[in-house]
Amino acid sequence: MKTDYEIILKPIITEKSMIQKDTSNSVAFKVRVDANKHEIKRAVEKIFDVTVLEVRTMMIEGKTKRMGRFSGQRANWKKAIVTLKPGDKIEYFEGAS
């Protein structure tokens, strides 16, 4: 059994995710590859005490990287975009303004 803190690995804070937060009240997280939408929804609601309306997930393929003549590949990972109920917000994403 995966705990809620094992499912949500870290938030994704980029320019695009901040625009999504402002326009559609959606936040992005890096999650475990084997986590499903129901587990992600439960984990976000329990950890941050918010109401989740929708969870969208996507698999991100790891990039191929080279070090001289040797090449390798970064790990594949899963991204979840979580839409929150209007009025709910996660303080972590608000920043110090």
C-alpha atoms as a PDB file:
ATOM      1  CA  MET A   1       0.000   0.000   0.000  1.00  0.00           C
ATOM      2  CA  LYS A   2       1.388   3.373  -1.045  1.00  0.00           C
ATOM      3  CA  THR A   3       1.029   6.264   1.375  1.00  0.00           C
ATOM      4  CA  ASP A   4      -0.198   9.662   0.203  1.00  0.00           C
ATOM      5  CA  TYR A   5       3.277  11.149   0.591  1.00  0.00           C
ATOM      6  CA  GLU A   6       4.779   8.400  -1.587  1.00  0.00           C
ATOM      7  CA  ILE A   7       2.289   9.060  -4.408  1.00  0.00           C
ATOM      8  CA  ILE A   8       2.922  12.835  -4.702  1.00  0.00           C
ATOM      9  CA  LEU A   9       6.664  13.213  -5.322  1.00  0.00           C
ATOM     10  CA  LYS A  10       7.018  16.968  -5.870  1.00  0.00           C
ATOM     11  CA  PRO A  11       5.192  19.968  -7.301  1.00  0.00           C
ATOM     12  CA  ILE A  12       6.037  21.215 -10.783  1.00  0.00           C
ATOM     13  CA  ILE A  13       6.609  24.959 -10.652  1.00  0.00           C
ATOM     14  CA  THR A  14       7.099  26.361 -14.135  1.00  0.00           C
ATOM     15  CA  GLU A  15       5.848  29.423 -15.948  1.00  0.00           C
ATOM     16  CA  LYS A  16       3.183  27.365 -17.704  1.00  0.00           C
ATOM     17  CA  SER A  17       1.966  25.741 -14.480  1.00  0.00           C
ATOM     18  CA  MET A  18       1.680  29.146 -12.786  1.00  0.00           C
ATOM     19  CA  ILE A  19      -0.461  30.420 -15.678  1.00  0.00           C
ATOM     20  CA  GLN A  20      -2.669  27.314 -15.347  1.00  0.00           C
ATOM     21  CA  LYS A  21      -3.003  27.965 -11.615  1.00  0.00           C
ATOM     22  CA  ASP A  22      -4.220  31.509 -12.250  1.00  0.00           C
ATOM     23  CA  THR A  23      -6.548  30.789 -15.177  1.00  0.00           C
ATOM     24  CA  SER A  24      -8.104  27.391 -14.397  1.00  0.00           C
ATOM     25  CA  ASN A  25      -7.178  26.760 -10.720  1.00  0.00           C
ATOM     26  CA  SER A  26      -5.055  23.733 -11.741  1.00  0.00           C
ATOM     27  CA  VAL A  27      -1.764  22.651 -10.172  1.00  0.00           C
ATOM     28  CA  ALA A  28       0.823  20.173 -11.496  1.00  0.00           C
ATOM     29  CA  PHE A  29       2.671  17.439  -9.610  1.00  0.00           C
ATOM     30  CA  LYS A  30       5.286  14.823 -10.383  1.00  0.00           C
ATOM     31  CA  VAL A  31       3.768  11.530  -9.206  1.00  0.00           C
ATOM     32  CA  ARG A  32       4.734   7.870  -9.033  1.00  0.00           C
ATOM     33  CA  VAL A  33       4.637   6.071 -12.360  1.00  0.00           C
ATOM     34  CA  ASP A  34       2.323   3.361 -11.000  1.00  0.00           C
ATOM     35  CA  ALA A  35      -0.159   5.770  -9.347  1.00  0.00           C
ATOM     36  CA  ASN A  36      -3.656   6.011 -10.823  1.00  0.00           C
ATOM     37  CA  LYS A  37      -6.060   8.971 -10.902  1.00  0.00           C
ATOM     38  CA  HIS A  38      -8.076   7.814  -7.887  1.00  0.00           C
ATOM     39  CA  GLU A  39      -4.946   7.504  -5.719  1.00  0.00           C
ATOM     40  CA  ILE A  40      -3.672  10.908  -6.866  1.00  0.00           C
ATOM     41  CA  LYS A  41      -7.014  12.569  -6.089  1.00  0.00           C
ATOM     42  CA  ARG A  42      -7.173  11.013  -2.616  1.00  0.00           C
ATOM     43  CA  ALA A  43      -3.561  11.975  -1.844  1.00  0.00           C
ATOM     44  CA  VAL A  44      -3.957  15.633  -2.908  1.00  0.00           C
ATOM     45  CA  GLU A  45      -7.226  16.018  -0.988  1.00  0.00           C
ATOM     46  CA  LYS A  46      -5.735  14.495   2.165  1.00  0.00           C
ATOM     47  CA  ILE A  47      -2.353  16.264   2.113  1.00  0.00           C
ATOM     48  CA  PHE A  48      -3.523  19.767   1.136  1.00  0.00           C
ATOM     49  CA  ASP A  49      -7.128  19.697   2.494  1.00  0.00           C
ATOM     50  CA  VAL A  50      -8.734  20.797  -0.797  1.00  0.00           C
ATOM     51  CA  THR A  51     -11.483  19.437  -3.066  1.00  0.00           C
ATOM     52  CA  VAL A  52     -10.299  17.958  -6.365  1.00  0.00           C
ATOM     53  CA  LEU A  53     -12.636  18.165  -9.369  1.00  0.00           C
ATOM     54  CA  GLU A  54     -10.483  16.538 -12.058  1.00  0.00           C
ATOM     55  CA  VAL A  55      -7.154  14.736 -12.454  1.00  0.00           C
ATOM     56  CA  ARG A  56      -5.351  14.514 -15.807  1.00  0.00           C
ATOM     57  CA  THR A  57      -2.216  12.396 -16.104  1.00  0.00           C
ATOM     58  CA  MET A  58       0.473  11.990 -18.734  1.00  0.00           C
ATOM     59  CA  MET A  59       3.628   9.939 -19.088  1.00  0.00           C
ATOM     60  CA  ILE A  60       6.745  11.954 -19.887  1.00  0.00           C
ATOM     61  CA  GLU A  61       9.443  10.045 -21.739  1.00  0.00           C
ATOM     62  CA  GLY A  62      12.990  10.511 -20.437  1.00  0.00           C
ATOM     63  CA  LYS A  63      15.392  12.423 -22.653  1.00  0.00           C
ATOM     64  CA  THR A  64      18.439  10.812 -24.221  1.00  0.00           C
ATOM     65  CA  LYS A  65      21.614  12.447 -22.916  1.00  0.00           C
ATOM     66  CA  ARG A  66      25.222  12.112 -23.999  1.00  0.00           C
ATOM     67  CA  MET A  67      28.486  12.379 -22.093  1.00  0.00           C
ATOM     68  CA  GLY A  68      31.155  12.374 -24.799  1.00  0.00           C
ATOM     69  CA  ARG A  69      30.797   9.177 -26.786  1.00  0.00           C
ATOM     70  CA  PHE A  70      28.563   7.511 -24.181  1.00  0.00           C
ATOM     71  CA  SER A  71      24.826   7.957 -24.275  1.00  0.00           C
ATOM     72  CA  GLY A  72      22.213   7.216 -21.669  1.00  0.00           C
ATOM     73  CA  GLN A  73      18.622   8.023 -20.921  1.00  0.00           C
ATOM     74  CA  ARG A  74      16.872   9.811 -18.083  1.00  0.00           C
ATOM     75  CA  ALA A  75      14.068   7.973 -16.336  1.00  0.00           C
ATOM     76  CA  ASN A  76      10.485   8.167 -17.575  1.00  0.00           C
ATOM     77  CA  TRP A  77       8.108   9.942 -15.180  1.00  0.00           C
ATOM     78  CA  LYS A  78       4.441  10.749 -14.707  1.00  0.00           C
ATOM     79  CA  LYS A  79       2.873  14.198 -14.486  1.00  0.00           C
ATOM     80  CA  ALA A  80      -0.539  14.902 -12.956  1.00  0.00           C
ATOM     81  CA  ILE A  81      -2.519  18.108 -13.493  1.00  0.00           C
ATOM     82  CA  VAL A  82      -5.072  18.486 -10.709  1.00  0.00           C
ATOM     83  CA  THR A  83      -8.034  20.880 -11.073  1.00  0.00           C
ATOM     84  CA  LEU A  84      -9.279  22.256  -7.747  1.00  0.00           C
ATOM     85  CA  LYS A  85     -12.731  23.467  -6.745  1.00  0.00           C
ATOM     86  CA  PRO A  86     -13.186  27.237  -7.268  1.00  0.00           C
ATOM     87  CA  GLY A  87     -12.053  29.043  -4.128  1.00  0.00           C
ATOM     88  CA  ASP A  88      -9.677  26.272  -3.016  1.00  0.00           C
ATOM     89  CA  LYS A  89      -5.954  26.885  -3.269  1.00  0.00           C
ATOM     90  CA  ILE A  90      -2.705  25.271  -2.205  1.00  0.00           C
ATOM     91  CA  GLU A  91      -0.555  27.677  -0.203  1.00  0.00           C
ATOM     92  CA  TYR A  92       2.676  26.114  -1.522  1.00  0.00           C
ATOM     93  CA  PHE A  93       1.942  27.451  -5.017  1.00  0.00           C
ATOM     94  CA  GLU A  94       0.911  30.946  -3.894  1.00  0.00           C
ATOM     95  CA  GLY A  95       4.442  32.125  -3.039  1.00  0.00           C
ATOM     96  CA  ALA A  96       5.440  35.149  -0.981  1.00  0.00           C
ATOM     97  CA  SER A  97       3.720  38.099  -2.567  1.00  0.00           C
END
